[in-house]
Amino acid sequence: MKLPNKVTSYEESVLGKLTVLLDILSAKDSSLIELYLNTKQHFSDTSEFIDTVDCLFALNKLEYNEDLEVLHYVG
């Protein structure tokens, strides 16, 4: 997981990319693949995307609806 430091700027870190996902998910629920396809230009690879999603789960900002198979933003 990339965290901000002397080499990695805030914008390049996982913390800087949280808002990319939250902006989309606060507007509507989304499947994981749909979310990735809509935001992949902001990430260098899929592991960076997954780290960002994991961080949002750890912060209790996301829930996964198993019935609908979508991610839901928890404000």
PDB file of N, CA and C in Angstrom:
ATOM      1  N   MET A   1       0.843  -1.173   0.000  1.00  0.00           N
ATOM      2  CA  MET A   1       0.000   0.000   0.000  1.00  0.00           C
ATOM      3  C   MET A   1       0.889   1.237   0.000  1.00  0.00           C
ATOM      4  N   LYS A   2       0.645   2.120  -0.953  1.00  0.00           N
ATOM      5  CA  LYS A   2       1.415   3.360  -1.041  1.00  0.00           C
ATOM      6  C   LYS A   2       0.832   4.392  -0.077  1.00  0.00           C
ATOM      7  N   LEU A   3       1.652   4.819   0.853  1.00  0.00           N
ATOM      8  CA  LEU A   3       1.269   5.892   1.756  1.00  0.00           C
ATOM      9  C   LEU A   3       2.122   7.111   1.442  1.00  0.00           C
ATOM     10  N   PRO A   4       1.606   8.304   1.735  1.00  0.00           N
ATOM     11  CA  PRO A   4       2.403   9.505   1.429  1.00  0.00           C
ATOM     12  C   PRO A   4       3.696   9.538   2.242  1.00  0.00           C
ATOM     13  N   ASN A   5       4.764   9.946   1.587  1.00  0.00           N
ATOM     14  CA  ASN A   5       6.062  10.121   2.243  1.00  0.00           C
ATOM     15  C   ASN A   5       6.893  11.090   1.412  1.00  0.00           C
ATOM     16  N   LYS A   6       8.188  11.125   1.632  1.00  0.00           N
ATOM     17  CA  LYS A   6       9.043  12.050   0.887  1.00  0.00           C
ATOM     18  C   LYS A   6       9.084  11.736  -0.609  1.00  0.00           C
ATOM     19  N   VAL A   7       8.912  10.478  -0.964  1.00  0.00           N
ATOM     20  CA  VAL A   7       8.988  10.055  -2.361  1.00  0.00           C
ATOM     21  C   VAL A   7       7.614  10.032  -3.019  1.00  0.00           C
ATOM     22  N   THR A   8       6.597   9.597  -2.287  1.00  0.00           N
ATOM     23  CA  THR A   8       5.238   9.460  -2.813  1.00  0.00           C
ATOM     24  C   THR A   8       4.385  10.632  -2.357  1.00  0.00           C
ATOM     25  N   SER A   9       3.867  11.383  -3.306  1.00  0.00           N
ATOM     26  CA  SER A   9       3.018  12.523  -2.948  1.00  0.00           C
ATOM     27  C   SER A   9       1.668  12.032  -2.444  1.00  0.00           C
ATOM     28  N   TYR A  10       0.934  12.909  -1.776  1.00  0.00           N
ATOM     29  CA  TYR A  10      -0.394  12.564  -1.269  1.00  0.00           C
ATOM     30  C   TYR A  10      -1.303  12.116  -2.406  1.00  0.00           C
ATOM     31  N   GLU A  11      -1.267  12.816  -3.534  1.00  0.00           N
ATOM     32  CA  GLU A  11      -2.130  12.498  -4.673  1.00  0.00           C
ATOM     33  C   GLU A  11      -1.830  11.123  -5.262  1.00  0.00           C
ATOM     34  N   GLU A  12      -0.565  10.695  -5.197  1.00  0.00           N
ATOM     35  CA  GLU A  12      -0.171   9.385  -5.723  1.00  0.00           C
ATOM     36  C   GLU A  12      -0.414   8.257  -4.736  1.00  0.00           C
ATOM     37  N   SER A  13      -0.696   8.590  -3.489  1.00  0.00           N
ATOM     38  CA  SER A  13      -0.876   7.582  -2.448  1.00  0.00           C
ATOM     39  C   SER A  13      -2.304   7.036  -2.458  1.00  0.00           C
ATOM     40  N   VAL A  14      -2.498   5.950  -1.728  1.00  0.00           N
ATOM     41  CA  VAL A  14      -3.830   5.364  -1.586  1.00  0.00           C
ATOM     42  C   VAL A  14      -4.778   6.367  -0.941  1.00  0.00           C
ATOM     43  N   LEU A  15      -4.298   7.116   0.022  1.00  0.00           N
ATOM     44  CA  LEU A  15      -5.158   8.099   0.697  1.00  0.00           C
ATOM     45  C   LEU A  15      -5.673   9.158  -0.262  1.00  0.00           C
ATOM     46  N   GLY A  16      -4.850   9.559  -1.192  1.00  0.00           N
ATOM     47  CA  GLY A  16      -5.262  10.552  -2.172  1.00  0.00           C
ATOM     48  C   GLY A  16      -6.279  10.021  -3.165  1.00  0.00           C
ATOM     49  N   LYS A  17      -6.339   8.710  -3.314  1.00  0.00           N
ATOM     50  CA  LYS A  17      -7.248   8.104  -4.290  1.00  0.00           C
ATOM     51  C   LYS A  17      -8.565   7.642  -3.682  1.00  0.00           C
ATOM     52  N   LEU A  18      -8.699   7.774  -2.370  1.00  0.00           N
ATOM     53  CA  LEU A  18      -9.956   7.397  -1.731  1.00  0.00           C
ATOM     54  C   LEU A  18     -11.123   8.203  -2.288  1.00  0.00           C
ATOM     55  N   THR A  19     -10.896   9.475  -2.524  1.00  0.00           N
ATOM     56  CA  THR A  19     -11.984  10.333  -3.004  1.00  0.00           C
ATOM     57  C   THR A  19     -12.446   9.970  -4.403  1.00  0.00           C
ATOM     58  N   VAL A  20     -11.553   9.392  -5.203  1.00  0.00           N
ATOM     59  CA  VAL A  20     -11.933   8.964  -6.552  1.00  0.00           C
ATOM     60  C   VAL A  20     -13.062   7.941  -6.456  1.00  0.00           C
ATOM     61  N   LEU A  21     -12.888   6.964  -5.575  1.00  0.00           N
ATOM     62  CA  LEU A  21     -13.910   5.933  -5.407  1.00  0.00           C
ATOM     63  C   LEU A  21     -15.138   6.463  -4.671  1.00  0.00           C
ATOM     64  N   LEU A  22     -14.915   7.276  -3.658  1.00  0.00           N
ATOM     65  CA  LEU A  22     -16.042   7.785  -2.873  1.00  0.00           C
ATOM     66  C   LEU A  22     -16.946   8.710  -3.685  1.00  0.00           C
ATOM     67  N   ASP A  23     -16.380   9.461  -4.598  1.00  0.00           N
ATOM     68  CA  ASP A  23     -17.199  10.340  -5.450  1.00  0.00           C
ATOM     69  C   ASP A  23     -18.193   9.527  -6.268  1.00  0.00           C
ATOM     70  N   ILE A  24     -17.756   8.410  -6.790  1.00  0.00           N
ATOM     71  CA  ILE A  24     -18.638   7.564  -7.599  1.00  0.00           C
ATOM     72  C   ILE A  24     -19.645   6.830  -6.720  1.00  0.00           C
ATOM     73  N   LEU A  25     -19.158   6.247  -5.631  1.00  0.00           N
ATOM     74  CA  LEU A  25     -20.041   5.434  -4.789  1.00  0.00           C
ATOM     75  C   LEU A  25     -21.034   6.268  -3.984  1.00  0.00           C
ATOM     76  N   SER A  26     -20.726   7.527  -3.736  1.00  0.00           N
ATOM     77  CA  SER A  26     -21.696   8.366  -3.026  1.00  0.00           C
ATOM     78  C   SER A  26     -22.870   8.727  -3.926  1.00  0.00           C
ATOM     79  N   ALA A  27     -22.669   8.666  -5.237  1.00  0.00           N
ATOM     80  CA  ALA A  27     -23.747   8.954  -6.186  1.00  0.00           C
ATOM     81  C   ALA A  27     -24.632   7.726  -6.419  1.00  0.00           C
ATOM     82  N   LYS A  28     -23.994   6.540  -6.510  1.00  0.00           N
ATOM     83  CA  LYS A  28     -24.780   5.313  -6.723  1.00  0.00           C
ATOM     84  C   LYS A  28     -23.944   4.092  -6.379  1.00  0.00           C
ATOM     85  N   ASP A  29     -24.618   3.016  -6.030  1.00  0.00           N
ATOM     86  CA  ASP A  29     -23.941   1.752  -5.755  1.00  0.00           C
ATOM     87  C   ASP A  29     -23.343   1.217  -7.054  1.00  0.00           C
ATOM     88  N   SER A  30     -22.300   0.410  -6.908  1.00  0.00           N
ATOM     89  CA  SER A  30     -21.608  -0.081  -8.090  1.00  0.00           C
ATOM     90  C   SER A  30     -21.006  -1.448  -7.810  1.00  0.00           C
ATOM     91  N   SER A  31     -20.949  -2.289  -8.839  1.00  0.00           N
ATOM     92  CA  SER A  31     -20.236  -3.557  -8.691  1.00  0.00           C
ATOM     93  C   SER A  31     -18.737  -3.255  -8.687  1.00  0.00           C
ATOM     94  N   LEU A  32     -17.967  -4.177  -8.179  1.00  0.00           N
ATOM     95  CA  LEU A  32     -16.523  -3.970  -8.092  1.00  0.00           C
ATOM     96  C   LEU A  32     -15.906  -3.797  -9.473  1.00  0.00           C
ATOM     97  N   ILE A  33     -16.300  -4.623 -10.420  1.00  0.00           N
ATOM     98  CA  ILE A  33     -15.728  -4.529 -11.773  1.00  0.00           C
ATOM     99  C   ILE A  33     -16.144  -3.234 -12.453  1.00  0.00           C
ATOM    100  N   GLU A  34     -17.391  -2.826 -12.266  1.00  0.00           N
ATOM    101  CA  GLU A  34     -17.865  -1.566 -12.849  1.00  0.00           C
ATOM    102  C   GLU A  34     -17.101  -0.383 -12.252  1.00  0.00           C
ATOM    103  N   LEU A  35     -16.880  -0.428 -10.951  1.00  0.00           N
ATOM    104  CA  LEU A  35     -16.123   0.636 -10.281  1.00  0.00           C
ATOM    105  C   LEU A  35     -14.695   0.691 -10.815  1.00  0.00           C
ATOM    106  N   TYR A  36     -14.078  -0.468 -10.986  1.00  0.00           N
ATOM    107  CA  TYR A  36     -12.712  -0.494 -11.521  1.00  0.00           C
ATOM    108  C   TYR A  36     -12.662   0.057 -12.939  1.00  0.00           C
ATOM    109  N   LEU A  37     -13.579  -0.373 -13.778  1.00  0.00           N
ATOM    110  CA  LEU A  37     -13.573   0.086 -15.172  1.00  0.00           C
ATOM    111  C   LEU A  37     -13.798   1.598 -15.270  1.00  0.00           C
ATOM    112  N   ASN A  38     -14.579   2.160 -14.358  1.00  0.00           N
ATOM    113  CA  ASN A  38     -14.840   3.596 -14.366  1.00  0.00           C
ATOM    114  C   ASN A  38     -13.708   4.425 -13.779  1.00  0.00           C
ATOM    115  N   THR A  39     -12.795   3.784 -13.041  1.00  0.00           N
ATOM    116  CA  THR A  39     -11.744   4.544 -12.349  1.00  0.00           C
ATOM    117  C   THR A  39     -10.324   4.091 -12.674  1.00  0.00           C
ATOM    118  N   LYS A  40     -10.160   3.105 -13.548  1.00  0.00           N
ATOM    119  CA  LYS A  40      -8.833   2.517 -13.764  1.00  0.00           C
ATOM    120  C   LYS A  40      -7.789   3.524 -14.253  1.00  0.00           C
ATOM    121  N   GLN A  41      -8.208   4.618 -14.869  1.00  0.00           N
ATOM    122  CA  GLN A  41      -7.248   5.624 -15.323  1.00  0.00           C
ATOM    123  C   GLN A  41      -6.555   6.343 -14.149  1.00  0.00           C
ATOM    124  N   HIS A  42      -7.115   6.221 -12.948  1.00  0.00           N
ATOM    125  CA  HIS A  42      -6.538   6.863 -11.759  1.00  0.00           C
ATOM    126  C   HIS A  42      -5.543   5.967 -11.015  1.00  0.00           C
ATOM    127  N   PHE A  43      -5.451   4.700 -11.422  1.00  0.00           N
ATOM    128  CA  PHE A  43      -4.614   3.732 -10.722  1.00  0.00           C
ATOM    129  C   PHE A  43      -3.542   3.177 -11.647  1.00  0.00           C
ATOM    130  N   SER A  44      -2.367   2.920 -11.082  1.00  0.00           N
ATOM    131  CA  SER A  44      -1.269   2.385 -11.887  1.00  0.00           C
ATOM    132  C   SER A  44      -1.467   0.900 -12.200  1.00  0.00           C
ATOM    133  N   ASP A  45      -2.159   0.177 -11.321  1.00  0.00           N
ATOM    134  CA  ASP A  45      -2.455  -1.234 -11.559  1.00  0.00           C
ATOM    135  C   ASP A  45      -3.618  -1.668 -10.666  1.00  0.00           C
ATOM    136  N   THR A  46      -4.040  -2.912 -10.834  1.00  0.00           N
ATOM    137  CA  THR A  46      -5.204  -3.386 -10.077  1.00  0.00           C
ATOM    138  C   THR A  46      -4.912  -3.517  -8.587  1.00  0.00           C
ATOM    139  N   SER A  47      -3.676  -3.809  -8.220  1.00  0.00           N
ATOM    140  CA  SER A  47      -3.362  -3.940  -6.794  1.00  0.00           C
ATOM    141  C   SER A  47      -3.524  -2.605  -6.071  1.00  0.00           C
ATOM    142  N   GLU A  48      -3.214  -1.515  -6.735  1.00  0.00           N
ATOM    143  CA  GLU A  48      -3.413  -0.194  -6.135  1.00  0.00           C
ATOM    144  C   GLU A  48      -4.909   0.081  -5.946  1.00  0.00           C
ATOM    145  N   PHE A  49      -5.713  -0.330  -6.914  1.00  0.00           N
ATOM    146  CA  PHE A  49      -7.170  -0.194  -6.798  1.00  0.00           C
ATOM    147  C   PHE A  49      -7.689  -1.017  -5.621  1.00  0.00           C
ATOM    148  N   ILE A  50      -7.254  -2.267  -5.518  1.00  0.00           N
ATOM    149  CA  ILE A  50      -7.700  -3.141  -4.432  1.00  0.00           C
ATOM    150  C   ILE A  50      -7.251  -2.597  -3.075  1.00  0.00           C
ATOM    151  N   ASP A  51      -6.034  -2.067  -2.980  1.00  0.00           N
ATOM    152  CA  ASP A  51      -5.568  -1.453  -1.732  1.00  0.00           C
ATOM    153  C   ASP A  51      -6.483  -0.302  -1.323  1.00  0.00           C
ATOM    154  N   THR A  52      -6.934   0.474  -2.293  1.00  0.00           N
ATOM    155  CA  THR A  52      -7.816   1.603  -2.004  1.00  0.00           C
ATOM    156  C   THR A  52      -9.178   1.114  -1.522  1.00  0.00           C
ATOM    157  N   VAL A  53      -9.712   0.096  -2.164  1.00  0.00           N
ATOM    158  CA  VAL A  53     -10.991  -0.486  -1.731  1.00  0.00           C
ATOM    159  C   VAL A  53     -10.831  -1.071  -0.326  1.00  0.00           C
ATOM    160  N   ASP A  54      -9.743  -1.796  -0.066  1.00  0.00           N
ATOM    161  CA  ASP A  54      -9.487  -2.361   1.262  1.00  0.00           C
ATOM    162  C   ASP A  54      -9.436  -1.281   2.331  1.00  0.00           C
ATOM    163  N   CYS A  55      -8.802  -0.182   2.004  1.00  0.00           N
ATOM    164  CA  CYS A  55      -8.697   0.933   2.946  1.00  0.00           C
ATOM    165  C   CYS A  55     -10.087   1.486   3.287  1.00  0.00           C
ATOM    166  N   LEU A  56     -10.950   1.603   2.292  1.00  0.00           N
ATOM    167  CA  LEU A  56     -12.309   2.091   2.543  1.00  0.00           C
ATOM    168  C   LEU A  56     -13.107   1.115   3.404  1.00  0.00           C
ATOM    169  N   PHE A  57     -12.912  -0.183   3.204  1.00  0.00           N
ATOM    170  CA  PHE A  57     -13.557  -1.174   4.071  1.00  0.00           C
ATOM    171  C   PHE A  57     -13.033  -1.058   5.496  1.00  0.00           C
ATOM    172  N   ALA A  58     -11.727  -0.881   5.655  1.00  0.00           N
ATOM    173  CA  ALA A  58     -11.129  -0.748   6.986  1.00  0.00           C
ATOM    174  C   ALA A  58     -11.635   0.492   7.720  1.00  0.00           C
ATOM    175  N   LEU A  59     -11.939   1.527   6.968  1.00  0.00           N
ATOM    176  CA  LEU A  59     -12.471   2.763   7.554  1.00  0.00           C
ATOM    177  C   LEU A  59     -13.989   2.719   7.725  1.00  0.00           C
ATOM    178  N   ASN A  60     -14.596   1.576   7.399  1.00  0.00           N
ATOM    179  CA  ASN A  60     -16.052   1.389   7.484  1.00  0.00           C
ATOM    180  C   ASN A  60     -16.822   2.384   6.623  1.00  0.00           C
ATOM    181  N   LYS A  61     -16.283   2.680   5.454  1.00  0.00           N
ATOM    182  CA  LYS A  61     -16.954   3.578   4.513  1.00  0.00           C
ATOM    183  C   LYS A  61     -17.661   2.816   3.405  1.00  0.00           C
ATOM    184  N   LEU A  62     -17.412   1.503   3.308  1.00  0.00           N
ATOM    185  CA  LEU A  62     -18.044   0.669   2.289  1.00  0.00           C
ATOM    186  C   LEU A  62     -18.682  -0.549   2.921  1.00  0.00           C
ATOM    187  N   GLU A  63     -19.768  -0.977   2.297  1.00  0.00           N
ATOM    188  CA  GLU A  63     -20.384  -2.257   2.616  1.00  0.00           C
ATOM    189  C   GLU A  63     -20.585  -2.991   1.300  1.00  0.00           C
ATOM    190  N   TYR A  64     -20.584  -4.312   1.380  1.00  0.00           N
ATOM    191  CA  TYR A  64     -20.843  -5.122   0.191  1.00  0.00           C
ATOM    192  C   TYR A  64     -22.212  -5.762   0.342  1.00  0.00           C
ATOM    193  N   ASN A  65     -23.113  -5.485  -0.592  1.00  0.00           N
ATOM    194  CA  ASN A  65     -24.443  -6.078  -0.603  1.00  0.00           C
ATOM    195  C   ASN A  65     -24.349  -7.372  -1.408  1.00  0.00           C
ATOM    196  N   GLU A  66     -24.393  -8.491  -0.707  1.00  0.00           N
ATOM    197  CA  GLU A  66     -24.218  -9.795  -1.363  1.00  0.00           C
ATOM    198  C   GLU A  66     -25.385 -10.134  -2.282  1.00  0.00           C
ATOM    199  N   ASP A  67     -26.591  -9.694  -1.927  1.00  0.00           N
ATOM    200  CA  ASP A  67     -27.761 -10.001  -2.752  1.00  0.00           C
ATOM    201  C   ASP A  67     -27.674  -9.315  -4.114  1.00  0.00           C
ATOM    202  N   LEU A  68     -27.308  -8.029  -4.099  1.00  0.00           N
ATOM    203  CA  LEU A  68     -27.218  -7.258  -5.342  1.00  0.00           C
ATOM    204  C   LEU A  68     -25.816  -7.287  -5.957  1.00  0.00           C
ATOM    205  N   GLU A  69     -24.852  -7.789  -5.201  1.00  0.00           N
ATOM    206  CA  GLU A  69     -23.444  -7.858  -5.621  1.00  0.00           C
ATOM    207  C   GLU A  69     -22.896  -6.480  -5.994  1.00  0.00           C
ATOM    208  N   VAL A  70     -23.138  -5.498  -5.097  1.00  0.00           N
ATOM    209  CA  VAL A  70     -22.666  -4.136  -5.311  1.00  0.00           C
ATOM    210  C   VAL A  70     -22.009  -3.601  -4.044  1.00  0.00           C
ATOM    211  N   LEU A  71     -21.133  -2.627  -4.236  1.00  0.00           N
ATOM    212  CA  LEU A  71     -20.543  -1.888  -3.132  1.00  0.00           C
ATOM    213  C   LEU A  71     -21.448  -0.711  -2.807  1.00  0.00           C
ATOM    214  N   HIS A  72     -21.606  -0.443  -1.522  1.00  0.00           N
ATOM    215  CA  HIS A  72     -22.482   0.637  -1.067  1.00  0.00           C
ATOM    216  C   HIS A  72     -21.683   1.569  -0.168  1.00  0.00           C
ATOM    217  N   TYR A  73     -21.769   2.865  -0.420  1.00  0.00           N
ATOM    218  CA  TYR A  73     -21.088   3.873   0.403  1.00  0.00           C
ATOM    219  C   TYR A  73     -21.871   4.074   1.678  1.00  0.00           C
ATOM    220  N   VAL A  74     -21.171   4.009   2.803  1.00  0.00           N
ATOM    221  CA  VAL A  74     -21.764   4.248   4.116  1.00  0.00           C
ATOM    222  C   VAL A  74     -21.234   5.587   4.607  1.00  0.00           C
ATOM    223  N   GLY A  75     -22.062   6.620   4.519  1.00  0.00           N
ATOM    224  CA  GLY A  75     -21.651   7.983   4.856  1.00  0.00           C
ATOM    225  C   GLY A  75     -21.245   8.188   6.218  1.00  0.00           C
TER     226      GLY A  75
END
